[in-house]
Amino acid sequence: MQTTAERMALIRQAAEKFKAKQKVQAKFKRDESTQKVHELDKHFERDERHWNDAPRYANDYYGEVYRQTTRFDNDWD
């Protein structure tokens, strides 16, 4: 049979182990979220393949199909 002091010692030991585990998990979460932010920053950096002008992109890549599709866009005025 355990005494109260022995039980309290076991509880303290378990609490320390739990705190250590929580600390590791919190660090992992911080590192993971920081890594995601850096990946997003890299993704949104200026890239020569990135198009800012949608009509130019459509014209360059779809040409005649784009022009045929959009030729009546202003007929609603």
PDB file of N, CA and C in Angstrom:
ATOM      1  N   MET A   1       0.818  -1.162   0.000  1.00  0.00           N
ATOM      2  CA  MET A   1       0.000   0.000   0.000  1.00  0.00           C
ATOM      3  C   MET A   1       0.881   1.251   0.000  1.00  0.00           C
ATOM      4  N   GLN A   2       0.437   2.280  -0.728  1.00  0.00           N
ATOM      5  CA  GLN A   2       1.221   3.504  -0.845  1.00  0.00           C
ATOM      6  C   GLN A   2       0.795   4.533   0.191  1.00  0.00           C
ATOM      7  N   THR A   3       1.773   5.286   0.604  1.00  0.00           N
ATOM      8  CA  THR A   3       1.456   6.381   1.516  1.00  0.00           C
ATOM      9  C   THR A   3       1.079   7.608   0.699  1.00  0.00           C
ATOM     10  N   THR A   4       0.553   8.591   1.380  1.00  0.00           N
ATOM     11  CA  THR A   4       0.153   9.830   0.719  1.00  0.00           C
ATOM     12  C   THR A   4       1.365  10.520   0.087  1.00  0.00           C
ATOM     13  N   ALA A   5       2.482  10.491   0.759  1.00  0.00           N
ATOM     14  CA  ALA A   5       3.695  11.126   0.248  1.00  0.00           C
ATOM     15  C   ALA A   5       4.171  10.447  -1.034  1.00  0.00           C
ATOM     16  N   GLU A   6       4.096   9.115  -1.057  1.00  0.00           N
ATOM     17  CA  GLU A   6       4.503   8.380  -2.261  1.00  0.00           C
ATOM     18  C   GLU A   6       3.581   8.696  -3.437  1.00  0.00           C
ATOM     19  N   ARG A   7       2.279   8.760  -3.156  1.00  0.00           N
ATOM     20  CA  ARG A   7       1.323   9.097  -4.216  1.00  0.00           C
ATOM     21  C   ARG A   7       1.563  10.508  -4.758  1.00  0.00           C
ATOM     22  N   MET A   8       1.826  11.445  -3.861  1.00  0.00           N
ATOM     23  CA  MET A   8       2.087  12.822  -4.285  1.00  0.00           C
ATOM     24  C   MET A   8       3.359  12.898  -5.133  1.00  0.00           C
ATOM     25  N   ALA A   9       4.375  12.107  -4.765  1.00  0.00           N
ATOM     26  CA  ALA A   9       5.619  12.077  -5.538  1.00  0.00           C
ATOM     27  C   ALA A   9       5.358  11.536  -6.951  1.00  0.00           C
ATOM     28  N   LEU A  10       4.536  10.492  -7.034  1.00  0.00           N
ATOM     29  CA  LEU A  10       4.192   9.945  -8.356  1.00  0.00           C
ATOM     30  C   LEU A  10       3.396  10.956  -9.188  1.00  0.00           C
ATOM     31  N   ILE A  11       2.502  11.664  -8.543  1.00  0.00           N
ATOM     32  CA  ILE A  11       1.699  12.679  -9.247  1.00  0.00           C
ATOM     33  C   ILE A  11       2.608  13.796  -9.756  1.00  0.00           C
ATOM     34  N   ARG A  12       3.550  14.244  -8.913  1.00  0.00           N
ATOM     35  CA  ARG A  12       4.495  15.292  -9.336  1.00  0.00           C
ATOM     36  C   ARG A  12       5.330  14.818 -10.528  1.00  0.00           C
ATOM     37  N   GLN A  13       5.788  13.586 -10.459  1.00  0.00           N
ATOM     38  CA  GLN A  13       6.599  13.021 -11.536  1.00  0.00           C
ATOM     39  C   GLN A  13       5.790  12.960 -12.834  1.00  0.00           C
ATOM     40  N   ALA A  14       4.544  12.527 -12.748  1.00  0.00           N
ATOM     41  CA  ALA A  14       3.687  12.464 -13.933  1.00  0.00           C
ATOM     42  C   ALA A  14       3.402  13.863 -14.477  1.00  0.00           C
ATOM     43  N   ALA A  15       3.223  14.822 -13.568  1.00  0.00           N
ATOM     44  CA  ALA A  15       2.960  16.201 -13.993  1.00  0.00           C
ATOM     45  C   ALA A  15       4.167  16.780 -14.717  1.00  0.00           C
ATOM     46  N   GLU A  16       5.363  16.514 -14.209  1.00  0.00           N
ATOM     47  CA  GLU A  16       6.580  17.000 -14.880  1.00  0.00           C
ATOM     48  C   GLU A  16       6.722  16.389 -16.268  1.00  0.00           C
ATOM     49  N   LYS A  17       6.445  15.103 -16.361  1.00  0.00           N
ATOM     50  CA  LYS A  17       6.521  14.422 -17.648  1.00  0.00           C
ATOM     51  C   LYS A  17       5.485  15.012 -18.620  1.00  0.00           C
ATOM     52  N   PHE A  18       4.283  15.287 -18.128  1.00  0.00           N
ATOM     53  CA  PHE A  18       3.225  15.876 -18.945  1.00  0.00           C
ATOM     54  C   PHE A  18       3.616  17.275 -19.413  1.00  0.00           C
ATOM     55  N   LYS A  19       4.182  18.092 -18.513  1.00  0.00           N
ATOM     56  CA  LYS A  19       4.615  19.447 -18.878  1.00  0.00           C
ATOM     57  C   LYS A  19       5.688  19.402 -19.966  1.00  0.00           C
ATOM     58  N   ALA A  20       6.632  18.469 -19.825  1.00  0.00           N
ATOM     59  CA  ALA A  20       7.697  18.332 -20.820  1.00  0.00           C
ATOM     60  C   ALA A  20       7.117  17.962 -22.183  1.00  0.00           C
ATOM     61  N   LYS A  21       6.148  17.068 -22.166  1.00  0.00           N
ATOM     62  CA  LYS A  21       5.506  16.645 -23.417  1.00  0.00           C
ATOM     63  C   LYS A  21       4.749  17.817 -24.053  1.00  0.00           C
ATOM     64  N   GLN A  22       4.042  18.597 -23.241  1.00  0.00           N
ATOM     65  CA  GLN A  22       3.311  19.760 -23.738  1.00  0.00           C
ATOM     66  C   GLN A  22       4.268  20.796 -24.329  1.00  0.00           C
ATOM     67  N   LYS A  23       5.416  20.972 -23.689  1.00  0.00           N
ATOM     68  CA  LYS A  23       6.414  21.927 -24.162  1.00  0.00           C
ATOM     69  C   LYS A  23       6.944  21.513 -25.539  1.00  0.00           C
ATOM     70  N   VAL A  24       7.225  20.232 -25.715  1.00  0.00           N
ATOM     71  CA  VAL A  24       7.711  19.726 -27.003  1.00  0.00           C
ATOM     72  C   VAL A  24       6.644  19.916 -28.079  1.00  0.00           C
ATOM     73  N   GLN A  25       5.403  19.612 -27.758  1.00  0.00           N
ATOM     74  CA  GLN A  25       4.322  19.763 -28.728  1.00  0.00           C
ATOM     75  C   GLN A  25       4.116  21.224 -29.102  1.00  0.00           C
ATOM     76  N   ALA A  26       4.216  22.135 -28.144  1.00  0.00           N
ATOM     77  CA  ALA A  26       4.058  23.561 -28.419  1.00  0.00           C
ATOM     78  C   ALA A  26       5.183  24.051 -29.328  1.00  0.00           C
ATOM     79  N   LYS A  27       6.404  23.611 -29.092  1.00  0.00           N
ATOM     80  CA  LYS A  27       7.535  23.996 -29.933  1.00  0.00           C
ATOM     81  C   LYS A  27       7.331  23.474 -31.348  1.00  0.00           C
ATOM     82  N   PHE A  28       6.876  22.240 -31.464  1.00  0.00           N
ATOM     83  CA  PHE A  28       6.622  21.661 -32.778  1.00  0.00           C
ATOM     84  C   PHE A  28       5.572  22.478 -33.530  1.00  0.00           C
ATOM     85  N   LYS A  29       4.496  22.858 -32.839  1.00  0.00           N
ATOM     86  CA  LYS A  29       3.446  23.664 -33.463  1.00  0.00           C
ATOM     87  C   LYS A  29       3.980  25.014 -33.917  1.00  0.00           C
ATOM     88  N   ARG A  30       4.783  25.667 -33.063  1.00  0.00           N
ATOM     89  CA  ARG A  30       5.368  26.964 -33.432  1.00  0.00           C
ATOM     90  C   ARG A  30       6.250  26.821 -34.660  1.00  0.00           C
ATOM     91  N   ASP A  31       7.110  25.796 -34.654  1.00  0.00           N
ATOM     92  CA  ASP A  31       8.017  25.583 -35.782  1.00  0.00           C
ATOM     93  C   ASP A  31       7.239  25.287 -37.056  1.00  0.00           C
ATOM     94  N   GLU A  32       6.184  24.478 -36.923  1.00  0.00           N
ATOM     95  CA  GLU A  32       5.382  24.113 -38.091  1.00  0.00           C
ATOM     96  C   GLU A  32       4.655  25.331 -38.670  1.00  0.00           C
ATOM     97  N   SER A  33       4.088  26.164 -37.809  1.00  0.00           N
ATOM     98  CA  SER A  33       3.370  27.336 -38.302  1.00  0.00           C
ATOM     99  C   SER A  33       4.342  28.344 -38.910  1.00  0.00           C
ATOM    100  N   THR A  34       5.529  28.487 -38.332  1.00  0.00           N
ATOM    101  CA  THR A  34       6.540  29.381 -38.899  1.00  0.00           C
ATOM    102  C   THR A  34       6.968  28.884 -40.267  1.00  0.00           C
ATOM    103  N   GLN A  35       7.122  27.580 -40.405  1.00  0.00           N
ATOM    104  CA  GLN A  35       7.520  26.999 -41.683  1.00  0.00           C
ATOM    105  C   GLN A  35       6.438  27.254 -42.730  1.00  0.00           C
ATOM    106  N   LYS A  36       5.163  27.142 -42.358  1.00  0.00           N
ATOM    107  CA  LYS A  36       4.080  27.391 -43.299  1.00  0.00           C
ATOM    108  C   LYS A  36       4.085  28.837 -43.760  1.00  0.00           C
ATOM    109  N   VAL A  37       4.367  29.756 -42.846  1.00  0.00           N
ATOM    110  CA  VAL A  37       4.416  31.173 -43.210  1.00  0.00           C
ATOM    111  C   VAL A  37       5.531  31.407 -44.215  1.00  0.00           C
ATOM    112  N   HIS A  38       6.682  30.798 -43.987  1.00  0.00           N
ATOM    113  CA  HIS A  38       7.801  30.969 -44.911  1.00  0.00           C
ATOM    114  C   HIS A  38       7.479  30.373 -46.281  1.00  0.00           C
ATOM    115  N   GLU A  39       6.787  29.248 -46.302  1.00  0.00           N
ATOM    116  CA  GLU A  39       6.394  28.651 -47.583  1.00  0.00           C
ATOM    117  C   GLU A  39       5.432  29.568 -48.335  1.00  0.00           C
ATOM    118  N   LEU A  40       4.490  30.174 -47.612  1.00  0.00           N
ATOM    119  CA  LEU A  40       3.562  31.103 -48.257  1.00  0.00           C
ATOM    120  C   LEU A  40       4.295  32.328 -48.777  1.00  0.00           C
ATOM    121  N   ASP A  41       5.247  32.834 -48.002  1.00  0.00           N
ATOM    122  CA  ASP A  41       6.031  33.972 -48.459  1.00  0.00           C
ATOM    123  C   ASP A  41       6.771  33.639 -49.741  1.00  0.00           C
ATOM    124  N   LYS A  42       7.351  32.443 -49.786  1.00  0.00           N
ATOM    125  CA  LYS A  42       8.058  32.027 -50.997  1.00  0.00           C
ATOM    126  C   LYS A  42       7.096  31.921 -52.168  1.00  0.00           C
ATOM    127  N   HIS A  43       5.908  31.421 -51.897  1.00  0.00           N
ATOM    128  CA  HIS A  43       4.923  31.219 -52.955  1.00  0.00           C
ATOM    129  C   HIS A  43       4.490  32.545 -53.571  1.00  0.00           C
ATOM    130  N   PHE A  44       4.348  33.577 -52.737  1.00  0.00           N
ATOM    131  CA  PHE A  44       3.839  34.843 -53.233  1.00  0.00           C
ATOM    132  C   PHE A  44       4.928  35.831 -53.643  1.00  0.00           C
ATOM    133  N   GLU A  45       6.193  35.391 -53.634  1.00  0.00           N
ATOM    134  CA  GLU A  45       7.257  36.276 -54.109  1.00  0.00           C
ATOM    135  C   GLU A  45       7.047  36.558 -55.589  1.00  0.00           C
ATOM    136  N   ARG A  46       7.634  37.629 -56.026  1.00  0.00           N
ATOM    137  CA  ARG A  46       7.528  38.011 -57.437  1.00  0.00           C
ATOM    138  C   ARG A  46       8.113  36.887 -58.282  1.00  0.00           C
ATOM    139  N   ASP A  47       7.388  36.453 -59.250  1.00  0.00           N
ATOM    140  CA  ASP A  47       7.805  35.349 -60.093  1.00  0.00           C
ATOM    141  C   ASP A  47       7.560  35.736 -61.541  1.00  0.00           C
ATOM    142  N   GLU A  48       8.525  35.460 -62.396  1.00  0.00           N
ATOM    143  CA  GLU A  48       8.357  35.829 -63.808  1.00  0.00           C
ATOM    144  C   GLU A  48       7.242  35.031 -64.483  1.00  0.00           C
ATOM    145  N   ARG A  49       6.846  33.933 -63.877  1.00  0.00           N
ATOM    146  CA  ARG A  49       5.751  33.145 -64.451  1.00  0.00           C
ATOM    147  C   ARG A  49       4.390  33.607 -63.969  1.00  0.00           C
ATOM    148  N   HIS A  50       4.375  34.544 -63.053  1.00  0.00           N
ATOM    149  CA  HIS A  50       3.119  35.036 -62.482  1.00  0.00           C
ATOM    150  C   HIS A  50       2.535  36.124 -63.379  1.00  0.00           C
ATOM    151  N   TRP A  51       1.261  35.999 -63.714  1.00  0.00           N
ATOM    152  CA  TRP A  51       0.603  36.982 -64.576  1.00  0.00           C
ATOM    153  C   TRP A  51      -0.241  37.917 -63.735  1.00  0.00           C
ATOM    154  N   ASN A  52      -0.042  39.211 -63.941  1.00  0.00           N
ATOM    155  CA  ASN A  52      -0.860  40.214 -63.265  1.00  0.00           C
ATOM    156  C   ASN A  52      -1.934  40.761 -64.194  1.00  0.00           C
ATOM    157  N   ASP A  53      -1.808  40.486 -65.462  1.00  0.00           N
ATOM    158  CA  ASP A  53      -2.711  41.040 -66.454  1.00  0.00           C
ATOM    159  C   ASP A  53      -3.515  39.890 -67.080  1.00  0.00           C
ATOM    160  N   ALA A  54      -4.737  39.690 -66.619  1.00  0.00           N
ATOM    161  CA  ALA A  54      -5.548  38.549 -67.073  1.00  0.00           C
ATOM    162  C   ALA A  54      -5.854  38.603 -68.569  1.00  0.00           C
ATOM    163  N   PRO A  55      -6.259  39.732 -69.147  1.00  0.00           N
ATOM    164  CA  PRO A  55      -6.531  39.741 -70.581  1.00  0.00           C
ATOM    165  C   PRO A  55      -5.284  39.417 -71.415  1.00  0.00           C
ATOM    166  N   ARG A  56      -4.122  39.881 -70.975  1.00  0.00           N
ATOM    167  CA  ARG A  56      -2.891  39.578 -71.712  1.00  0.00           C
ATOM    168  C   ARG A  56      -2.592  38.083 -71.648  1.00  0.00           C
ATOM    169  N   TYR A  57      -2.769  37.500 -70.461  1.00  0.00           N
ATOM    170  CA  TYR A  57      -2.559  36.059 -70.310  1.00  0.00           C
ATOM    171  C   TYR A  57      -3.496  35.282 -71.235  1.00  0.00           C
ATOM    172  N   ALA A  58      -4.765  35.654 -71.222  1.00  0.00           N
ATOM    173  CA  ALA A  58      -5.744  34.956 -72.060  1.00  0.00           C
ATOM    174  C   ALA A  58      -5.394  35.117 -73.537  1.00  0.00           C
ATOM    175  N   ASN A  59      -5.008  36.307 -73.928  1.00  0.00           N
ATOM    176  CA  ASN A  59      -4.669  36.547 -75.324  1.00  0.00           C
ATOM    177  C   ASN A  59      -3.424  35.762 -75.729  1.00  0.00           C
ATOM    178  N   ASP A  60      -2.393  35.751 -74.872  1.00  0.00           N
ATOM    179  CA  ASP A  60      -1.153  35.042 -75.195  1.00  0.00           C
ATOM    180  C   ASP A  60      -1.341  33.536 -75.253  1.00  0.00           C
ATOM    181  N   TYR A  61      -2.154  32.988 -74.348  1.00  0.00           N
ATOM    182  CA  TYR A  61      -2.278  31.537 -74.284  1.00  0.00           C
ATOM    183  C   TYR A  61      -3.470  30.965 -75.034  1.00  0.00           C
ATOM    184  N   TYR A  62      -4.523  31.753 -75.222  1.00  0.00           N
ATOM    185  CA  TYR A  62      -5.718  31.216 -75.857  1.00  0.00           C
ATOM    186  C   TYR A  62      -6.064  31.917 -77.171  1.00  0.00           C
ATOM    187  N   GLY A  63      -5.419  33.034 -77.448  1.00  0.00           N
ATOM    188  CA  GLY A  63      -5.499  33.723 -78.723  1.00  0.00           C
ATOM    189  C   GLY A  63      -6.886  33.892 -79.298  1.00  0.00           C
ATOM    190  N   GLU A  64      -7.126  33.224 -80.403  1.00  0.00           N
ATOM    191  CA  GLU A  64      -8.368  33.378 -81.167  1.00  0.00           C
ATOM    192  C   GLU A  64      -9.596  32.960 -80.358  1.00  0.00           C
ATOM    193  N   VAL A  65      -9.490  31.919 -79.581  1.00  0.00           N
ATOM    194  CA  VAL A  65     -10.617  31.483 -78.749  1.00  0.00           C
ATOM    195  C   VAL A  65     -10.993  32.598 -77.772  1.00  0.00           C
ATOM    196  N   TYR A  66      -9.992  33.232 -77.187  1.00  0.00           N
ATOM    197  CA  TYR A  66     -10.251  34.344 -76.264  1.00  0.00           C
ATOM    198  C   TYR A  66     -10.941  35.490 -76.994  1.00  0.00           C
ATOM    199  N   ARG A  67     -10.445  35.835 -78.152  1.00  0.00           N
ATOM    200  CA  ARG A  67     -11.034  36.953 -78.895  1.00  0.00           C
ATOM    201  C   ARG A  67     -12.460  36.634 -79.334  1.00  0.00           C
ATOM    202  N   GLN A  68     -12.729  35.426 -79.761  1.00  0.00           N
ATOM    203  CA  GLN A  68     -14.077  35.047 -80.170  1.00  0.00           C
ATOM    204  C   GLN A  68     -15.042  35.073 -78.973  1.00  0.00           C
ATOM    205  N   THR A  69     -14.534  34.700 -77.826  1.00  0.00           N
ATOM    206  CA  THR A  69     -15.370  34.654 -76.631  1.00  0.00           C
ATOM    207  C   THR A  69     -15.707  36.049 -76.117  1.00  0.00           C
ATOM    208  N   THR A  70     -14.758  36.966 -76.208  1.00  0.00           N
ATOM    209  CA  THR A  70     -14.949  38.280 -75.600  1.00  0.00           C
ATOM    210  C   THR A  70     -15.363  39.359 -76.595  1.00  0.00           C
ATOM    211  N   ARG A  71     -15.548  39.047 -77.849  1.00  0.00           N
ATOM    212  CA  ARG A  71     -15.816  40.098 -78.837  1.00  0.00           C
ATOM    213  C   ARG A  71     -17.182  40.764 -78.630  1.00  0.00           C
ATOM    214  N   PHE A  72     -18.132  40.079 -78.014  1.00  0.00           N
ATOM    215  CA  PHE A  72     -19.453  40.661 -77.795  1.00  0.00           C
ATOM    216  C   PHE A  72     -19.645  41.207 -76.364  1.00  0.00           C
ATOM    217  N   ASP A  73     -18.559  41.301 -75.607  1.00  0.00           N
ATOM    218  CA  ASP A  73     -18.671  41.737 -74.216  1.00  0.00           C
ATOM    219  C   ASP A  73     -19.235  43.144 -74.077  1.00  0.00           C
ATOM    220  N   ASN A  74     -18.996  44.013 -75.002  1.00  0.00           N
ATOM    221  CA  ASN A  74     -19.440  45.401 -74.890  1.00  0.00           C
ATOM    222  C   ASN A  74     -20.770  45.660 -75.593  1.00  0.00           C
ATOM    223  N   ASP A  75     -21.445  44.649 -76.104  1.00  0.00           N
ATOM    224  CA  ASP A  75     -22.704  44.821 -76.807  1.00  0.00           C
ATOM    225  C   ASP A  75     -23.879  45.073 -75.872  1.00  0.00           C
ATOM    226  N   TRP A  76     -23.683  45.027 -74.579  1.00  0.00           N
ATOM    227  CA  TRP A  76     -24.784  45.187 -73.631  1.00  0.00           C
ATOM    228  C   TRP A  76     -25.024  46.645 -73.273  1.00  0.00           C
ATOM    229  N   ASP A  77     -24.193  47.539 -73.750  1.00  0.00           N
ATOM    230  CA  ASP A  77     -24.334  48.960 -73.408  1.00  0.00           C
ATOM    231  C   ASP A  77     -25.544  49.598 -74.035  1.00  0.00           C
TER     232      ASP A  77
END
